[in-house]
């Protein structure tokens, strides 16, 4: 095992896929510039000069080019530095890419990966910090992936590249510099398979992307006061691994769904509905989401907008009918960055 950041793992996944498959190429605004999509495409332009393409600011047109190339047998990786940029290409994503397989009786193939960056940071506000995963999971024909760790990011991206259907690959900005053990060489993590990242008996937390990291922080503090939660990292929102989620909830009988999308019609609601349709709970399920408000730019507002591990701790204790036993000293001693994920983060690109 080696310790890599998520960015390094993503770069390695693309490099290995391009070595193995000559029909893989990368395209997007800024993929070959010095910042290289937060460093995730760094060095690939020099290594594969004929397969790395900077694109014009024409998202719908470029997505159409990628769909056309996929239909001819290529495997494009289209990168949006912000999930919000993909809104310009919804016609191509929803009306063409997502529908091709079914329109042609299951014989149509569009092996397209669209990487998108989500999450807050550096005062980027409502247009650049949108968590749009629920929009994509609503569309038949799209697969939606959200890794939380470097090892999963690498394996899930390789699986997405190998898939013959369009995959929306959402990367939260705050996991980019997260470090973790990453196996060497070429490997895959199957799409449609959730992962129990922590076992427990008191309550099940089902989380997505960066909120899995916050959930693990919360679990560490909760253990100090005798509360043992189980955490299921969804990893692939669509197709959803209901079996792993249900197995956990059947054990604990309690469910807390956590997702940074907005509350109304959000993915956390989908988790709760799926569970309550299939099993009995001993208490009402709960959810933690972003509020139904546009994302603020200022740190002062961000402090109250974003949920974190303290939010999770309080909700868990409320669900378990326990006194809020986390002391003010513990809460105040935990530094919560509201707008900058780490000291090395110096700008939006």
Protein backbone atom coordinates (compact mmCIF):
# COMPACT_ATOMS: atom_id res chain seq x y z
CA UNK A 1 0.00 0.00 0.00
CA UNK A 2 1.03 3.59 -0.60
CA UNK A 3 -0.47 6.78 0.76
CA UNK A 4 -1.85 9.02 -1.97
CA UNK A 5 -4.17 11.99 -2.08
CA UNK A 6 -7.46 11.64 -3.93
CA UNK A 7 -6.10 13.88 -6.69
CA UNK A 8 -3.07 11.62 -7.10
CA UNK A 9 -5.32 8.54 -7.15
CA UNK A 10 -7.56 10.04 -9.83
CA UNK A 11 -4.56 11.02 -11.94
CA UNK A 12 -3.15 7.50 -11.62
CA UNK A 13 -6.50 5.95 -12.59
CA UNK A 14 -6.65 7.99 -15.79
CA UNK A 15 -3.01 7.27 -16.59
CA UNK A 16 -3.45 3.51 -16.17
CA UNK A 17 -6.66 3.51 -18.21
CA UNK A 18 -4.98 5.45 -21.02
CA UNK A 19 -2.08 2.98 -20.98
CA UNK A 20 -4.43 0.02 -21.20
CA UNK A 21 -6.96 1.42 -23.65
CA UNK A 22 -5.79 3.40 -26.65
CA UNK A 23 -9.34 4.64 -27.21
CA UNK A 24 -9.50 6.60 -23.92
CA UNK A 25 -9.05 10.36 -24.17
CA UNK A 26 -9.61 13.35 -21.86
CA UNK A 27 -11.27 16.63 -22.80
CA UNK A 28 -12.40 19.68 -20.85
CA UNK A 29 -11.83 23.33 -20.10
CA UNK A 30 -8.37 23.60 -18.58
CA UNK A 31 -7.33 19.95 -18.64
CA UNK A 32 -3.95 20.90 -20.11
CA UNK A 33 -3.32 24.23 -18.42
CA UNK A 34 -0.81 24.63 -15.54
CA UNK A 35 -3.46 24.04 -12.84
CA UNK A 36 -4.62 20.86 -14.67
CA UNK A 37 -8.02 20.46 -12.94
CA UNK A 38 -6.68 20.77 -9.40
CA UNK A 39 -3.68 18.67 -10.50
CA UNK A 40 -5.75 15.64 -11.51
CA UNK A 41 -4.52 15.73 -15.14
CA UNK A 42 -1.00 16.96 -14.41
CA UNK A 43 1.62 15.40 -16.67
CA UNK A 44 -0.89 13.55 -18.83
CA UNK A 45 -0.70 16.17 -21.58
CA UNK A 46 3.02 15.49 -22.01
CA UNK A 47 2.55 11.73 -21.84
CA UNK A 48 -0.45 11.53 -24.19
CA UNK A 49 -0.25 14.70 -26.33
CA UNK A 50 -2.67 13.35 -28.92
CA UNK A 51 -5.32 12.32 -26.36
CA UNK A 52 -5.60 15.36 -24.05
CA UNK A 53 -7.79 18.14 -25.43
CA UNK A 54 -8.49 21.56 -23.98
CA UNK A 55 -12.03 22.47 -24.95
CA UNK A 56 -13.75 25.72 -25.87
CA UNK A 57 -16.28 27.25 -23.49
CA UNK A 58 -19.12 25.42 -25.22
CA UNK A 59 -20.28 22.73 -22.85
CA UNK A 60 -23.26 21.49 -24.84
CA UNK A 61 -21.24 21.27 -28.04
CA UNK A 62 -18.30 19.51 -26.40
CA UNK A 63 -20.64 16.99 -24.73
CA UNK A 64 -22.14 16.28 -28.15
CA UNK A 65 -18.65 15.70 -29.54
CA UNK A 66 -17.97 13.24 -26.69
CA UNK A 67 -21.22 11.38 -27.31
CA UNK A 68 -20.43 11.13 -31.02
CA UNK A 69 -16.92 9.87 -30.34
CA UNK A 70 -18.27 7.29 -27.86
CA UNK A 71 -20.66 6.02 -30.53
CA UNK A 72 -17.68 5.39 -32.81
CA UNK A 73 -15.88 3.26 -30.20
CA UNK A 74 -13.85 5.81 -28.23
CA UNK A 75 -14.06 6.20 -24.45
CA UNK A 76 -14.04 9.92 -23.61
CA UNK A 77 -13.52 11.41 -20.15
CA UNK A 78 -15.16 14.84 -20.11
CA UNK A 79 -14.19 17.05 -17.16
CA UNK A 80 -16.14 19.99 -15.75
CA UNK A 81 -14.24 22.01 -13.15
CA UNK A 82 -17.63 22.83 -11.63
CA UNK A 83 -20.79 20.75 -11.63
CA UNK A 84 -22.66 23.93 -12.48
CA UNK A 85 -20.97 24.03 -15.88
CA UNK A 86 -22.75 20.80 -16.80
CA UNK A 87 -26.09 22.62 -16.75
CA UNK A 88 -25.26 24.01 -20.19
CA UNK A 89 -25.02 20.46 -21.54
CA UNK A 90 -28.19 18.95 -20.08
CA UNK A 91 -29.75 18.55 -23.51
CA UNK A 92 -26.93 16.24 -24.60
CA UNK A 93 -26.65 14.42 -21.26
CA UNK A 94 -30.35 13.82 -20.65
CA UNK A 95 -31.89 13.69 -24.13
CA UNK A 96 -29.11 11.80 -25.90
CA UNK A 97 -26.54 10.07 -23.67
CA UNK A 98 -29.00 8.82 -21.04
CA UNK A 99 -31.52 7.53 -23.57
CA UNK A 100 -29.38 5.92 -26.27
CA UNK A 101 -29.21 2.47 -24.65
CA UNK A 102 -32.98 2.08 -24.32
CA UNK A 103 -33.83 3.78 -27.62
CA UNK A 104 -31.93 1.07 -29.44
CA UNK A 105 -33.33 -1.90 -27.57
CA UNK A 106 -30.41 -2.27 -25.19
CA UNK A 107 -27.85 -2.38 -28.01
CA UNK A 108 -26.78 1.28 -27.88
CA UNK A 109 -23.54 2.02 -26.05
CA UNK A 110 -22.18 5.38 -24.94
CA UNK A 111 -19.06 4.73 -22.81
CA UNK A 112 -18.77 8.33 -21.55
CA UNK A 113 -17.46 9.47 -18.15
CA UNK A 114 -18.25 13.01 -17.05
CA UNK A 115 -16.12 14.10 -14.11
CA UNK A 116 -17.57 17.03 -12.14
CA UNK A 117 -16.22 18.90 -9.11
CA UNK A 118 -18.73 19.68 -6.37
CA UNK A 119 -18.53 21.23 -2.91
CA UNK A 120 -17.56 24.52 -1.39
CA UNK A 121 -14.32 26.38 -1.07
CA UNK A 122 -12.71 29.79 -1.33
CA UNK A 123 -15.91 31.82 -1.43
CA UNK A 124 -17.19 30.36 -4.69
CA UNK A 125 -20.84 30.79 -3.74
CA UNK A 126 -24.04 29.45 -5.27
CA UNK A 127 -23.10 28.95 -8.93
CA UNK A 128 -19.82 27.09 -8.30
CA UNK A 129 -20.66 25.05 -5.19
CA UNK A 130 -23.79 23.20 -6.21
CA UNK A 131 -24.32 19.58 -5.16
CA UNK A 132 -26.42 18.35 -8.09
CA UNK A 133 -26.33 14.59 -7.51
CA UNK A 134 -30.11 14.27 -7.04
CA UNK A 135 -30.71 15.78 -10.48
CA UNK A 136 -28.59 13.11 -12.13
CA UNK A 137 -29.93 10.19 -10.08
CA UNK A 138 -33.43 11.12 -11.25
CA UNK A 139 -32.54 10.42 -14.90
CA UNK A 140 -32.91 6.81 -16.19
CA UNK A 141 -29.85 5.71 -18.14
CA UNK A 142 -27.24 7.55 -16.09
CA UNK A 143 -24.97 5.99 -13.49
CA UNK A 144 -23.92 8.30 -10.65
CA UNK A 145 -20.74 7.78 -8.63
CA UNK A 146 -19.47 9.73 -5.60
CA UNK A 147 -16.24 8.45 -3.98
CA UNK A 148 -15.18 9.42 -0.46
CA UNK A 149 -11.65 7.99 -0.23
CA UNK A 150 -8.55 7.95 -2.49
CA UNK A 151 -8.62 4.17 -2.99
CA UNK A 152 -12.28 4.19 -3.95
CA UNK A 153 -11.76 7.20 -6.20
CA UNK A 154 -9.15 5.31 -8.23
CA UNK A 155 -11.04 2.02 -8.46
CA UNK A 156 -14.41 3.62 -9.15
CA UNK A 157 -13.02 5.88 -11.87
CA UNK A 158 -11.43 2.91 -13.66
CA UNK A 159 -14.73 1.01 -13.43
CA UNK A 160 -16.53 4.05 -14.81
CA UNK A 161 -14.14 4.28 -17.75
CA UNK A 162 -14.70 0.58 -18.52
CA UNK A 163 -18.49 0.89 -18.32
CA UNK A 164 -20.43 1.00 -21.59
CA UNK A 165 -23.00 3.49 -20.31
CA UNK A 166 -22.70 7.18 -19.36
CA UNK A 167 -21.36 7.72 -15.85
CA UNK A 168 -21.59 10.96 -13.87
CA UNK A 169 -18.53 10.97 -11.59
CA UNK A 170 -18.88 13.58 -8.83
CA UNK A 171 -15.82 14.59 -6.80
CA UNK A 172 -16.18 16.71 -3.69
CA UNK A 173 -13.51 19.38 -3.45
CA UNK A 174 -12.82 18.60 0.20
CA UNK A 175 -11.66 15.04 -0.49
CA UNK A 176 -9.13 16.13 -3.11
CA UNK A 177 -6.22 16.38 -0.69
CA UNK A 178 -7.46 13.66 1.63
CA UNK A 179 -4.73 11.01 2.00
CA UNK A 180 -5.22 7.27 2.24
CA UNK A 181 -3.80 3.88 1.32
CA UNK A 182 -4.17 3.20 -2.40
CA UNK A 183 -3.22 -0.15 -3.98
CA UNK A 184 -0.70 -0.07 -6.80
CA UNK A 185 -1.52 -1.05 -10.33
CA UNK A 186 -4.76 -1.45 -12.21
CA UNK A 187 -7.82 -2.40 -10.16
CA UNK A 188 -11.53 -1.71 -10.13
CA UNK A 189 -14.14 -1.03 -7.47
CA UNK A 190 -17.51 -2.30 -8.75
CA UNK A 191 -20.22 0.23 -9.51
CA UNK A 192 -23.44 -0.30 -7.61
CA UNK A 193 -21.79 -1.58 -4.43
CA UNK A 194 -21.91 0.34 -1.13
CA UNK A 195 -19.31 -0.16 1.60
CA UNK A 196 -19.62 -0.48 5.36
CA UNK A 197 -16.74 1.75 6.45
CA UNK A 198 -17.43 1.36 10.17
CA UNK A 199 -19.39 -1.32 11.98
CA UNK A 200 -21.69 -0.56 14.90
CA UNK A 201 -24.97 -1.51 16.59
CA UNK A 202 -26.70 1.63 17.85
CA UNK A 203 -27.68 3.39 14.63
CA UNK A 204 -26.98 3.27 10.88
CA UNK A 205 -25.61 6.33 9.10
CA UNK A 206 -25.95 6.16 5.31
CA UNK A 207 -23.76 8.86 3.79
CA UNK A 208 -22.38 10.08 0.48
CA UNK A 209 -19.03 11.51 -0.58
CA UNK A 210 -17.43 13.99 1.84
CA UNK A 211 -20.14 13.47 4.44
CA UNK A 212 -18.75 9.97 4.95
CA UNK A 213 -15.58 11.66 6.21
CA UNK A 214 -17.59 13.90 8.54
CA UNK A 215 -19.55 10.84 9.72
CA UNK A 216 -16.32 9.04 10.61
CA UNK A 217 -15.19 12.08 12.59
CA UNK A 218 -18.51 12.06 14.43
CA UNK A 219 -18.27 8.32 15.11
CA UNK A 220 -14.86 8.78 16.73
CA UNK A 221 -16.24 11.35 19.15
CA UNK A 222 -19.41 9.35 19.81
CA UNK A 223 -17.36 6.30 20.80
CA UNK A 224 -15.87 8.35 23.63
CA UNK A 225 -19.33 8.55 25.20
CA UNK A 226 -20.31 4.95 24.49
CA UNK A 227 -22.28 5.38 21.26
CA UNK A 228 -21.37 2.97 18.46
CA UNK A 229 -22.76 3.85 15.04
CA UNK A 230 -22.48 1.93 11.77
CA UNK A 231 -21.56 3.92 8.65
CA UNK A 232 -22.45 2.87 5.11
CA UNK A 233 -20.72 4.81 2.36
CA UNK A 234 -23.08 4.69 -0.65
CA UNK A 235 -20.27 5.25 -3.22
CA UNK A 236 -22.61 4.63 -6.18
CA UNK A 237 -25.88 6.53 -5.95
CA UNK A 238 -27.20 4.88 -9.09
CA UNK A 239 -27.44 1.94 -9.30
CA UNK A 240 -28.05 1.92 -5.56
CA UNK A 241 -26.92 -0.99 -3.41
CA UNK A 242 -30.07 -1.42 -1.35
CA UNK A 243 -28.96 -4.79 0.03
CA UNK A 244 -25.98 -3.44 1.98
CA UNK A 245 -28.02 -0.53 3.32
CA UNK A 246 -30.96 -2.72 4.37
CA UNK A 247 -28.72 -5.30 6.02
CA UNK A 248 -27.24 -2.57 8.20
CA UNK A 249 -30.57 -0.98 9.09
CA UNK A 250 -32.14 -4.36 9.91
CA UNK A 251 -29.39 -4.76 12.50
CA UNK A 252 -29.57 -1.31 14.12
CA UNK A 253 -33.28 -0.48 13.47
CA UNK A 254 -32.38 3.21 13.20
CA UNK A 255 -31.46 5.31 10.15
CA UNK A 256 -29.78 8.66 9.64
CA UNK A 257 -29.32 9.59 5.96
CA UNK A 258 -26.72 12.26 5.17
CA UNK A 259 -26.14 14.03 1.86
CA UNK A 260 -24.98 17.55 1.00
CA UNK A 261 -27.68 18.02 -1.62
CA UNK A 262 -30.65 20.22 -0.81
CA UNK A 263 -33.32 18.85 1.51
CA UNK A 264 -36.41 18.92 -0.72
CA UNK A 265 -36.48 15.96 -3.14
CA UNK A 266 -32.87 15.20 -2.22
CA UNK A 267 -30.94 11.93 -2.22
CA UNK A 268 -31.29 11.57 1.56
CA UNK A 269 -35.04 11.38 1.01
CA UNK A 270 -34.51 8.57 -1.49
CA UNK A 271 -32.51 6.59 1.08
CA UNK A 272 -35.22 7.02 3.71
CA UNK A 273 -37.97 5.99 1.30
CA UNK A 274 -36.05 2.94 0.11
CA UNK A 275 -35.46 1.76 3.67
CA UNK A 276 -38.96 2.38 5.02
CA UNK A 277 -40.49 0.58 2.04
CA UNK A 278 -38.48 -2.53 2.82
CA UNK A 279 -37.98 -2.85 6.56
CA UNK A 280 -39.29 -1.81 9.98
CA UNK A 281 -37.50 0.79 12.08
CA UNK A 282 -37.72 1.28 15.83
CA UNK A 283 -37.80 5.07 15.50
CA UNK A 284 -38.47 7.67 12.85
CA UNK A 285 -35.67 7.98 10.26
CA UNK A 286 -33.87 11.30 10.09
CA UNK A 287 -31.79 13.16 7.51
CA UNK A 288 -29.05 15.77 7.41
CA UNK A 289 -28.76 17.84 4.24
CA UNK A 290 -27.94 21.32 3.05
CA UNK A 291 -30.82 23.73 3.64
CA UNK A 292 -33.10 24.76 0.78
CA UNK A 293 -31.13 27.93 0.17
CA UNK A 294 -28.56 29.02 -2.37
CA UNK A 295 -25.00 28.44 -1.24
CA UNK A 296 -23.51 31.50 0.52
CA UNK A 297 -20.09 32.95 -0.30
CA UNK A 298 -19.07 34.47 3.03
CA UNK A 299 -17.51 32.38 5.84
CA UNK A 300 -19.98 33.88 8.33
CA UNK A 301 -22.98 32.50 6.46
CA UNK A 302 -21.19 29.29 5.50
CA UNK A 303 -20.73 28.56 9.20
CA UNK A 304 -24.47 28.16 9.60
CA UNK A 305 -25.16 26.69 6.16
CA UNK A 306 -23.02 23.55 6.05
CA UNK A 307 -23.59 20.51 8.27
CA UNK A 308 -20.51 18.88 9.80
CA UNK A 309 -19.59 16.21 12.33
CA UNK A 310 -20.94 18.28 15.22
CA UNK A 311 -24.29 18.42 13.41
CA UNK A 312 -24.14 14.64 13.06
CA UNK A 313 -23.24 14.07 16.71
CA UNK A 314 -26.16 16.17 17.91
CA UNK A 315 -28.62 14.42 15.58
CA UNK A 316 -27.44 10.95 16.62
CA UNK A 317 -27.80 11.75 20.31
CA UNK A 318 -31.26 13.19 19.68
CA UNK A 319 -32.31 10.02 17.84
CA UNK A 320 -31.01 7.83 20.64
CA UNK A 321 -32.82 9.92 23.27
CA UNK A 322 -29.54 10.67 24.97
CA UNK A 323 -28.55 13.86 26.69
CA UNK A 324 -26.24 16.00 24.59
CA UNK A 325 -23.18 14.62 26.36
CA UNK A 326 -20.60 16.10 24.04
CA UNK A 327 -19.09 18.84 26.18
CA UNK A 328 -18.61 22.43 25.13
CA UNK A 329 -14.90 21.87 25.60
CA UNK A 330 -14.85 19.09 22.98
CA UNK A 331 -16.96 21.11 20.56
CA UNK A 332 -14.82 24.21 20.91
CA UNK A 333 -11.57 22.24 20.63
CA UNK A 334 -12.54 20.84 17.23
CA UNK A 335 -11.50 23.26 14.51
CA UNK A 336 -14.15 23.43 11.83
CA UNK A 337 -12.99 25.11 8.59
CA UNK A 338 -15.98 26.73 6.95
CA UNK A 339 -14.64 27.70 3.56
CA UNK A 340 -11.06 26.45 3.08
CA UNK A 341 -10.52 22.68 3.18
CA UNK A 342 -6.80 22.82 4.05
CA UNK A 343 -3.93 25.35 4.33
CA UNK A 344 -2.60 24.41 0.87
CA UNK A 345 -5.86 25.37 -0.80
CA UNK A 346 -5.03 28.74 -2.35
CA UNK A 347 -7.63 29.22 -5.05
CA UNK A 348 -10.61 27.88 -6.94
CA UNK A 349 -8.72 26.07 -9.70
